[in-house]
Amino acid sequence: MTRPPGDGRSWWPRRARRQLASVGPEGRWAFAAAVLLVPTIRLAVRVRGFGPAFGALERRSDGDAAAFDVERARQVGRAVNLVADRPVIGGSCLPRSMVTWFLLRRLGADAVLVLGADRGADGVSAHAWVELHHAVVNDRTDVRAQFGSFELPQRRLRPAMVDGGTT
């Protein structure tokens, strides 16, 4: 016997379904990709370390930059966060930011993965987030105020070529 649609007994909470509906087609694509990528990247960072996992994503997302606005990037970030927030998948800030950064680069956005640290009363805490055009796309907009960021060497996407010149 199948359940009628909207009977409230879905494995995915109603609020999350509404949020997914609001992220647009690229967000839904990012959501589907993140279901596989977040746990994979979490495992790769744990087993191989950050450097090799980051390098593999960087090589697989190298390409030409395209015009991409911050709101579109935030839709991708929200979709990845919907996946990473699920207890079954669970992703800390590092794998969720790595996946968001990777997916944005695959879409042509020249996004930047940012790592930061904060020395508080409880010791040092680290955090990761993604920025596009210096705007945070997958976290609080004021995250830079709490965490001092440091330079992470990463390849930038190539500017797109139009009529023999760059855009």
Foldseek 3Di string as FASTA:
>chain_A
DDDDPPPQPDPQHPVLVVLQVPLPDLLVVLLVVLLPQLLVLVVCCVPVNDVVSLVVLQVVLAAAADDDDLSNLLSSLVSNVSNCVDPVRHHAQVSSQSSSCSSCSNVRFQKDKWKFWAQDPVGIDIHIFIDGPNATRNDDRCVCVHTPTDDDDGDTHHFDDDPNHGD
